[in-house]
N, C-alpha and C. Protein backbone atom coordinates (compact mmCIF):
# COMPACT_ATOMS: atom_id res chain seq x y z
N MET A 1 100.93 84.72 111.82
CA MET A 1 100.23 85.84 111.90
C MET A 1 100.50 86.76 110.63
N LEU A 2 99.40 87.19 110.01
CA LEU A 2 99.56 88.00 108.77
C LEU A 2 100.04 89.46 109.08
N TRP A 3 100.73 90.03 108.07
CA TRP A 3 101.04 91.35 108.10
C TRP A 3 99.83 92.28 107.78
N LYS A 4 99.64 93.34 108.48
CA LYS A 4 98.71 94.38 108.16
C LYS A 4 98.97 95.06 106.78
N PHE A 5 98.11 95.52 106.10
CA PHE A 5 98.39 96.20 104.84
C PHE A 5 99.05 97.65 105.08
N PRO A 6 99.93 98.04 104.36
CA PRO A 6 100.57 99.30 104.52
C PRO A 6 99.84 100.41 104.08
N PRO A 7 100.01 101.62 104.49
CA PRO A 7 99.48 102.78 103.83
C PRO A 7 100.27 102.86 102.41
N LYS A 8 99.53 103.36 101.63
CA LYS A 8 100.07 103.45 100.17
C LYS A 8 101.37 104.23 99.99
N ILE A 9 101.61 105.20 100.91
CA ILE A 9 102.87 106.06 100.86
C ILE A 9 104.09 105.12 101.03
N LYS A 10 103.88 104.00 101.60
CA LYS A 10 105.08 103.11 101.83
C LYS A 10 105.43 102.37 100.51
N ILE A 11 104.53 102.36 99.55
CA ILE A 11 104.85 101.91 98.24
C ILE A 11 105.68 102.94 97.54
N TYR A 12 105.28 104.17 97.71
CA TYR A 12 106.11 105.28 97.12
C TYR A 12 107.52 105.18 97.74
N GLU A 13 107.73 105.09 98.95
CA GLU A 13 108.90 105.01 99.68
C GLU A 13 109.74 103.79 99.12
N ALA A 14 109.15 102.62 99.03
CA ALA A 14 109.78 101.54 98.52
C ALA A 14 110.30 101.77 97.10
N LEU A 15 109.57 102.33 96.29
CA LEU A 15 109.93 102.68 94.83
C LEU A 15 111.14 103.56 94.92
N GLY A 16 111.05 104.61 95.77
CA GLY A 16 112.13 105.62 95.95
C GLY A 16 113.48 105.01 96.34
N SER A 17 113.33 103.98 97.20
CA SER A 17 114.51 103.31 97.77
C SER A 17 115.27 102.38 96.58
N ILE A 18 114.43 101.92 95.64
CA ILE A 18 114.88 101.20 94.61
C ILE A 18 115.63 102.22 93.55
N GLY A 19 114.85 103.30 93.37
CA GLY A 19 115.47 104.32 92.44
C GLY A 19 116.76 104.97 93.03
N ASP A 20 116.89 104.97 94.32
CA ASP A 20 118.07 105.60 94.94
C ASP A 20 119.28 104.52 95.08
N LYS A 21 118.88 103.29 94.71
CA LYS A 21 119.87 102.10 94.80
C LYS A 21 120.24 102.02 96.30
N ARG A 22 119.29 102.15 97.17
CA ARG A 22 119.55 101.98 98.55
C ARG A 22 119.26 100.49 98.98
N ILE A 23 119.03 99.60 98.01
CA ILE A 23 118.72 98.17 98.36
C ILE A 23 119.63 97.14 97.78
N SER A 24 120.20 96.24 98.55
CA SER A 24 120.93 95.19 97.93
C SER A 24 120.33 93.98 98.35
N VAL A 25 120.16 93.05 97.37
CA VAL A 25 119.41 91.69 97.60
C VAL A 25 120.33 90.56 97.41
N ALA A 26 120.38 89.68 98.30
CA ALA A 26 121.10 88.34 98.17
C ALA A 26 120.17 87.20 98.58
N GLU A 27 119.87 86.48 97.57
CA GLU A 27 119.01 85.36 97.76
C GLU A 27 117.64 85.92 98.39
N ASN A 28 117.42 85.36 99.72
CA ASN A 28 116.19 85.69 100.48
C ASN A 28 116.29 86.74 101.54
N THR A 29 117.43 87.49 101.33
CA THR A 29 117.60 88.61 102.34
C THR A 29 117.98 89.84 101.55
N ALA A 30 117.86 90.96 102.34
CA ALA A 30 118.23 92.29 101.70
C ALA A 30 118.73 93.22 102.84
N GLU A 31 119.43 94.21 102.35
CA GLU A 31 119.97 95.38 103.14
C GLU A 31 119.28 96.51 102.46
N VAL A 32 118.48 97.43 103.22
CA VAL A 32 117.90 98.59 102.62
C VAL A 32 118.31 99.66 103.55
N TYR A 33 118.88 100.62 102.86
CA TYR A 33 119.30 101.98 103.68
C TYR A 33 118.12 102.94 103.59
N SER A 34 118.05 103.62 104.86
CA SER A 34 117.02 104.72 104.96
C SER A 34 117.45 105.87 104.03
N SER A 35 116.45 106.75 103.73
CA SER A 35 116.72 107.91 102.84
C SER A 35 117.83 108.77 103.32
N SER A 36 118.05 108.85 104.60
CA SER A 36 119.23 109.62 105.16
C SER A 36 120.42 108.87 105.04
N ARG A 37 120.28 107.56 104.68
CA ARG A 37 121.50 106.68 104.54
C ARG A 37 122.29 106.37 105.93
N ARG A 38 121.63 106.75 107.05
CA ARG A 38 122.23 106.53 108.36
C ARG A 38 121.72 105.32 109.05
N LYS A 39 120.72 104.81 108.45
CA LYS A 39 120.22 103.41 109.08
C LYS A 39 120.08 102.31 107.97
N LYS A 40 120.46 101.16 108.48
CA LYS A 40 120.27 99.93 107.55
C LYS A 40 119.30 99.02 108.03
N TYR A 41 118.33 98.68 107.19
CA TYR A 41 117.32 97.73 107.67
C TYR A 41 117.61 96.33 106.95
N ILE A 42 117.33 95.28 107.70
CA ILE A 42 117.55 93.98 107.21
C ILE A 42 116.13 93.33 106.85
N VAL A 43 116.03 92.73 105.79
CA VAL A 43 114.85 91.90 105.34
C VAL A 43 115.14 90.50 105.27
N LYS A 44 114.30 89.67 105.72
CA LYS A 44 114.57 88.21 105.62
C LYS A 44 113.12 87.65 105.00
N TYR A 45 113.25 86.71 104.04
CA TYR A 45 112.08 86.18 103.35
C TYR A 45 112.21 84.65 103.19
N ASP A 46 111.12 84.00 103.54
CA ASP A 46 110.99 82.57 103.39
C ASP A 46 109.94 82.19 102.41
N PRO A 47 110.31 81.97 101.13
CA PRO A 47 109.16 81.68 100.13
C PRO A 47 108.38 80.37 100.38
N ASP A 48 109.03 79.55 101.09
CA ASP A 48 108.43 78.24 101.32
C ASP A 48 107.26 78.37 102.35
N ILE A 49 107.28 79.38 103.22
CA ILE A 49 106.15 79.60 104.13
C ILE A 49 105.53 80.84 103.91
N ASN A 50 105.80 81.64 102.74
CA ASN A 50 105.20 82.81 102.37
C ASN A 50 105.28 83.85 103.63
N ALA A 51 106.56 84.02 104.16
CA ALA A 51 106.76 84.91 105.32
C ALA A 51 107.98 85.79 105.09
N ILE A 52 107.81 86.95 105.64
CA ILE A 52 108.85 88.06 105.61
C ILE A 52 108.91 88.76 106.98
N MET A 53 110.17 89.34 107.17
CA MET A 53 110.42 90.11 108.41
C MET A 53 111.38 91.11 108.05
N ALA A 54 111.25 92.35 108.71
CA ALA A 54 112.24 93.44 108.47
C ALA A 54 112.18 94.18 109.72
N ASN A 55 113.29 94.92 110.00
CA ASN A 55 113.46 95.65 111.24
C ASN A 55 113.27 97.16 111.12
N ASP A 56 112.32 97.53 110.15
CA ASP A 56 112.05 98.98 110.05
C ASP A 56 111.02 99.27 111.12
N ASN A 57 110.94 100.69 111.28
CA ASN A 57 109.91 101.17 112.30
C ASN A 57 108.49 100.70 112.13
N ALA A 58 108.05 100.70 110.84
CA ALA A 58 106.58 100.40 110.66
C ALA A 58 106.26 98.90 110.91
N SER A 59 107.27 98.15 110.56
CA SER A 59 107.14 96.64 110.75
C SER A 59 107.11 96.36 112.22
N TYR A 60 108.02 96.98 112.99
CA TYR A 60 108.20 96.71 114.41
C TYR A 60 107.08 97.34 115.25
N TRP A 61 106.79 98.64 115.06
CA TRP A 61 105.98 99.35 115.91
C TRP A 61 104.41 99.30 115.46
N ALA A 62 104.26 99.27 114.13
CA ALA A 62 102.84 99.41 113.65
C ALA A 62 102.19 98.14 113.18
N GLY A 63 103.13 97.09 112.85
CA GLY A 63 102.68 95.79 112.54
C GLY A 63 102.22 95.63 111.06
N TYR A 64 102.48 96.62 110.30
CA TYR A 64 102.32 96.59 108.78
C TYR A 64 103.44 96.41 108.05
N LEU A 65 103.32 95.98 106.86
CA LEU A 65 104.47 95.68 105.92
C LEU A 65 105.09 97.05 105.57
N GLY A 66 106.46 97.23 105.92
CA GLY A 66 107.25 98.43 105.85
C GLY A 66 107.78 98.57 104.38
N TYR A 67 108.30 99.62 104.01
CA TYR A 67 108.83 99.92 102.75
C TYR A 67 110.11 98.96 102.40
N PRO A 68 110.93 98.74 103.45
CA PRO A 68 112.02 97.75 102.99
C PRO A 68 111.52 96.39 102.61
N SER A 69 110.50 95.92 103.16
CA SER A 69 109.89 94.45 102.66
C SER A 69 109.23 94.69 101.31
N ILE A 70 108.55 95.79 101.07
CA ILE A 70 107.85 96.03 99.88
C ILE A 70 109.07 96.22 98.86
N ALA A 71 110.09 96.87 99.09
CA ALA A 71 111.11 97.07 98.10
C ALA A 71 111.77 95.75 97.74
N PHE A 72 111.95 94.89 98.78
CA PHE A 72 112.47 93.56 98.47
C PHE A 72 111.62 92.74 97.53
N LEU A 73 110.39 92.76 97.79
CA LEU A 73 109.39 92.06 97.04
C LEU A 73 109.25 92.61 95.60
N LEU A 74 109.46 93.87 95.36
CA LEU A 74 109.48 94.49 94.02
C LEU A 74 110.79 94.05 93.26
N VAL A 75 111.95 94.13 93.92
CA VAL A 75 113.23 93.88 93.22
C VAL A 75 113.35 92.27 93.01
N LYS A 76 112.83 91.50 93.85
CA LYS A 76 112.87 90.08 93.49
C LYS A 76 111.88 89.71 92.58
N GLY A 77 111.01 90.48 92.03
CA GLY A 77 109.94 90.19 91.12
C GLY A 77 108.71 89.41 91.68
N ILE A 78 108.63 89.34 92.93
CA ILE A 78 107.37 88.72 93.62
C ILE A 78 106.30 89.55 93.28
N ILE A 79 106.50 90.94 93.16
CA ILE A 79 105.47 91.89 92.91
C ILE A 79 105.96 92.59 91.48
N ASP A 80 105.09 92.65 90.64
CA ASP A 80 105.46 93.41 89.31
C ASP A 80 105.36 94.87 89.54
N TYR A 81 106.19 95.55 88.82
CA TYR A 81 106.10 97.01 88.95
C TYR A 81 106.86 97.57 87.70
N ASN A 82 106.64 98.88 87.43
CA ASN A 82 107.22 99.55 86.23
C ASN A 82 108.40 100.27 86.89
N PRO A 83 109.67 99.91 86.51
CA PRO A 83 110.85 100.64 87.06
C PRO A 83 110.99 102.13 86.74
N LYS A 84 110.17 102.57 85.81
CA LYS A 84 110.19 104.05 85.57
C LYS A 84 109.71 104.87 86.69
N TYR A 85 108.84 104.28 87.54
CA TYR A 85 108.30 104.91 88.70
C TYR A 85 109.32 104.89 89.92
N ALA A 86 110.25 103.86 89.98
CA ALA A 86 111.31 103.91 90.95
C ALA A 86 112.25 105.11 90.68
N ASN A 87 112.52 105.26 89.30
CA ASN A 87 113.38 106.41 88.82
C ASN A 87 112.79 107.77 89.11
N ALA A 88 111.46 107.78 88.97
CA ALA A 88 110.65 109.13 89.18
C ALA A 88 110.73 109.39 90.70
N LEU A 89 110.83 108.38 91.58
CA LEU A 89 110.68 108.78 93.08
C LEU A 89 112.06 108.78 93.73
N LYS A 90 113.10 108.75 92.92
CA LYS A 90 114.43 108.83 93.61
C LYS A 90 114.77 110.19 94.15
N GLU A 91 115.80 110.21 95.07
CA GLU A 91 116.17 111.49 95.60
C GLU A 91 115.09 112.35 96.35
N ILE A 92 114.15 111.54 97.02
CA ILE A 92 113.17 112.26 97.89
C ILE A 92 113.60 111.99 99.31
N PRO A 93 113.73 112.97 100.07
CA PRO A 93 114.18 112.87 101.51
C PRO A 93 113.09 112.42 102.43
N TRP A 94 112.68 111.22 102.27
CA TRP A 94 111.46 110.72 103.00
C TRP A 94 111.48 110.92 104.45
N LYS A 95 112.62 110.81 105.12
CA LYS A 95 112.61 110.99 106.65
C LYS A 95 112.40 112.48 106.81
N ASP A 96 113.00 113.38 106.18
CA ASP A 96 112.80 114.86 106.43
C ASP A 96 111.38 115.21 106.21
N ILE A 97 110.73 114.60 105.20
CA ILE A 97 109.33 114.90 104.84
C ILE A 97 108.41 114.32 105.90
N ASN A 98 108.63 113.08 106.32
CA ASN A 98 107.82 112.50 107.41
C ASN A 98 107.94 113.19 108.68
N VAL A 99 109.05 113.70 109.03
CA VAL A 99 109.32 114.57 110.19
C VAL A 99 108.52 115.96 110.08
N LYS A 100 108.75 116.54 108.84
CA LYS A 100 108.04 117.82 108.63
C LYS A 100 106.53 117.70 108.94
N TYR A 101 105.94 116.64 108.28
CA TYR A 101 104.51 116.49 108.45
C TYR A 101 104.16 115.55 109.62
N ARG A 102 105.00 115.23 110.55
CA ARG A 102 104.70 114.39 111.70
C ARG A 102 104.01 113.11 111.45
N SER A 103 104.52 112.52 110.36
CA SER A 103 104.10 111.18 109.83
C SER A 103 102.64 111.22 109.49
N ASN A 104 102.17 112.39 109.07
CA ASN A 104 100.86 112.49 108.57
C ASN A 104 100.99 112.07 107.00
N TYR A 105 100.67 110.75 106.68
CA TYR A 105 101.06 110.30 105.46
C TYR A 105 100.18 110.89 104.34
N ALA A 106 98.95 111.50 104.56
CA ALA A 106 98.25 112.03 103.52
C ALA A 106 98.92 113.37 103.15
N LYS A 107 99.54 114.10 104.12
CA LYS A 107 100.24 115.32 103.77
C LYS A 107 101.61 114.94 103.16
N THR A 108 102.07 113.97 103.53
CA THR A 108 103.38 113.51 102.79
C THR A 108 103.09 113.13 101.48
N GLU A 109 102.14 112.38 101.18
CA GLU A 109 101.76 112.04 99.88
C GLU A 109 101.40 113.12 99.01
N GLU A 110 100.83 114.09 99.52
CA GLU A 110 100.48 115.32 98.83
C GLU A 110 101.59 116.12 98.36
N TYR A 111 102.64 116.26 99.41
CA TYR A 111 103.95 116.94 99.05
C TYR A 111 104.64 116.27 97.97
N VAL A 112 104.80 114.88 98.17
CA VAL A 112 105.45 114.12 97.08
C VAL A 112 104.93 114.27 95.74
N LYS A 113 103.56 114.34 95.63
CA LYS A 113 102.89 114.43 94.32
C LYS A 113 103.31 115.93 93.72
N GLU A 114 103.46 116.89 94.58
CA GLU A 114 103.79 118.15 94.13
C GLU A 114 105.25 117.94 93.50
N ILE A 115 106.18 117.30 94.17
CA ILE A 115 107.49 116.98 93.66
C ILE A 115 107.45 116.33 92.30
N LEU A 116 106.60 115.33 92.26
CA LEU A 116 106.42 114.67 90.96
C LEU A 116 105.97 115.50 89.91
N ALA A 117 104.97 116.40 90.13
CA ALA A 117 104.30 117.17 89.15
C ALA A 117 105.45 118.16 88.62
N LYS A 118 106.34 118.70 89.50
CA LYS A 118 107.43 119.49 89.02
C LYS A 118 108.52 118.84 88.08
N ARG A 119 108.55 117.45 88.32
CA ARG A 119 109.38 116.52 87.56
C ARG A 119 108.76 116.06 86.25
N LYS A 120 107.48 116.54 86.09
CA LYS A 120 106.68 116.27 84.90
C LYS A 120 106.27 114.74 84.81
N ILE A 121 106.03 114.18 85.98
CA ILE A 121 105.69 112.76 86.16
C ILE A 121 104.07 112.93 86.22
N SER A 122 103.37 112.01 85.52
CA SER A 122 101.93 111.83 85.57
C SER A 122 101.57 111.25 86.91
N VAL A 123 100.98 112.02 87.74
CA VAL A 123 100.56 111.60 89.07
C VAL A 123 99.46 110.57 88.82
N SER A 124 98.56 110.71 87.98
CA SER A 124 97.50 109.88 87.77
C SER A 124 98.00 108.51 87.41
N GLU A 125 98.91 108.41 86.42
CA GLU A 125 99.54 107.14 86.01
C GLU A 125 100.21 106.43 87.21
N LEU A 126 100.95 107.22 87.97
CA LEU A 126 101.68 106.71 89.19
C LEU A 126 100.65 106.16 90.14
N GLU A 127 99.62 106.83 90.39
CA GLU A 127 98.52 106.23 91.35
C GLU A 127 97.94 105.08 90.83
N THR A 128 97.86 104.83 89.54
CA THR A 128 97.41 103.52 89.04
C THR A 128 98.35 102.45 89.32
N GLU A 129 99.73 102.79 89.07
CA GLU A 129 100.75 101.81 89.31
C GLU A 129 100.78 101.59 90.80
N ILE A 130 100.64 102.51 91.75
CA ILE A 130 100.67 102.23 93.13
C ILE A 130 99.38 101.25 93.43
N ASP A 131 98.23 101.47 92.90
CA ASP A 131 97.13 100.69 93.18
C ASP A 131 97.44 99.24 92.73
N LYS A 132 97.94 99.06 91.57
CA LYS A 132 98.35 97.68 91.15
C LYS A 132 99.30 96.99 92.06
N ILE A 133 100.23 97.69 92.62
CA ILE A 133 101.27 97.17 93.51
C ILE A 133 100.50 96.91 94.90
N TYR A 134 99.66 97.75 95.25
CA TYR A 134 98.84 97.47 96.58
C TYR A 134 98.06 96.24 96.34
N ASP A 135 97.32 96.19 95.29
CA ASP A 135 96.53 94.91 95.07
C ASP A 135 97.41 93.62 95.20
N GLN A 136 98.55 93.64 94.57
CA GLN A 136 99.47 92.51 94.66
C GLN A 136 99.85 92.13 95.99
N ILE A 137 100.11 93.18 96.93
CA ILE A 137 100.55 93.00 98.25
C ILE A 137 99.40 92.33 98.97
N LYS A 138 98.19 92.85 98.76
CA LYS A 138 96.90 92.17 99.43
C LYS A 138 96.81 90.75 99.04
N GLN A 139 97.16 90.42 97.82
CA GLN A 139 96.95 89.03 97.34
C GLN A 139 98.01 88.02 97.92
N LEU A 140 99.16 88.57 98.31
CA LEU A 140 100.21 87.78 98.89
C LEU A 140 99.81 87.15 100.25
N ASN A 141 99.03 87.76 101.03
CA ASN A 141 98.74 87.28 102.38
C ASN A 141 100.05 86.92 103.15
N LEU A 142 100.89 87.76 103.22
CA LEU A 142 102.27 87.51 103.67
C LEU A 142 102.13 87.26 105.37
N GLU A 143 102.86 86.23 105.73
CA GLU A 143 102.93 85.92 107.08
C GLU A 143 104.17 86.65 107.72
N LYS A 144 104.21 86.79 109.15
CA LYS A 144 105.40 87.38 109.76
C LYS A 144 106.41 86.22 110.02
N LEU A 145 107.56 86.59 109.65
CA LEU A 145 108.67 85.49 109.84
C LEU A 145 109.46 85.70 111.08
N GLY A 146 109.10 84.80 112.02
CA GLY A 146 109.89 84.89 113.34
C GLY A 146 109.46 86.04 114.15
N LYS A 147 110.32 86.28 115.09
CA LYS A 147 110.08 87.32 116.10
C LYS A 147 110.38 88.71 115.48
N ARG A 148 109.72 89.70 115.94
CA ARG A 148 109.93 91.17 115.54
C ARG A 148 111.43 91.43 115.94
N ILE A 149 112.06 92.16 115.06
CA ILE A 149 113.54 92.61 115.29
C ILE A 149 113.46 94.14 115.55
N ARG A 150 113.97 94.69 116.68
CA ARG A 150 114.05 96.04 116.83
C ARG A 150 114.74 96.83 115.77
N PRO A 151 114.22 98.01 115.33
CA PRO A 151 114.87 98.77 114.37
C PRO A 151 115.97 99.42 114.98
N PRO A 152 116.89 99.90 114.00
CA PRO A 152 118.10 100.63 114.38
C PRO A 152 117.73 101.91 114.87
N LYS A 153 118.60 102.58 115.70
CA LYS A 153 118.33 103.88 116.14
C LYS A 153 119.13 105.07 115.28
N GLY A 154 118.63 106.16 115.30
CA GLY A 154 119.21 107.25 114.45
C GLY A 154 118.27 107.80 113.56
N TYR A 155 118.74 108.81 112.81
CA TYR A 155 117.90 109.52 111.93
C TYR A 155 117.88 109.04 110.54
C-alpha cells in the first residue's frame, strides 16, 4: 500500500528537524525528536522494497508520509535538498504553532513564512525548494513498511 502525499508544511517541518539536529540516522533507521524534544519517533526504511514506516501522528492517523520519514529521506540523500533551508527553518516551535492554529496547515505555513521573512529568507526561493522536494516525494511512490506503529504520547 502506497503512502498518501503529505501536505507541504510537513516538508518545512522535516527541514526544521534537520536544522535543529533532531534526527540521527543509522543505516536504514532513524530517531527523530519532536520540536518539543519530548517525543521520539522511529523511522524504518527498506530500500529493497521501496518502503518506509514511522510512528509519528501523521503516518499513523492520517496515512500520509510524516515529517520524520521525509527528514530521513533528505538526510540519506534519497531526496535532494539545499541544506541552507534546513538552517533557515531551525528553532521553529512546530508543535506550539500547530496547536495554536489547530492543525490548520495553511495558517501554520503563513505564520512560518512570516518568521522566515523576519529572518531575511526568500520565501519564494524556499517555496521553489519545497516544490522540488515534493515532486521527488511523489516520484518515489513509497510503500508502507509493515504494520502501523502507534505514536508516542506526550507534547
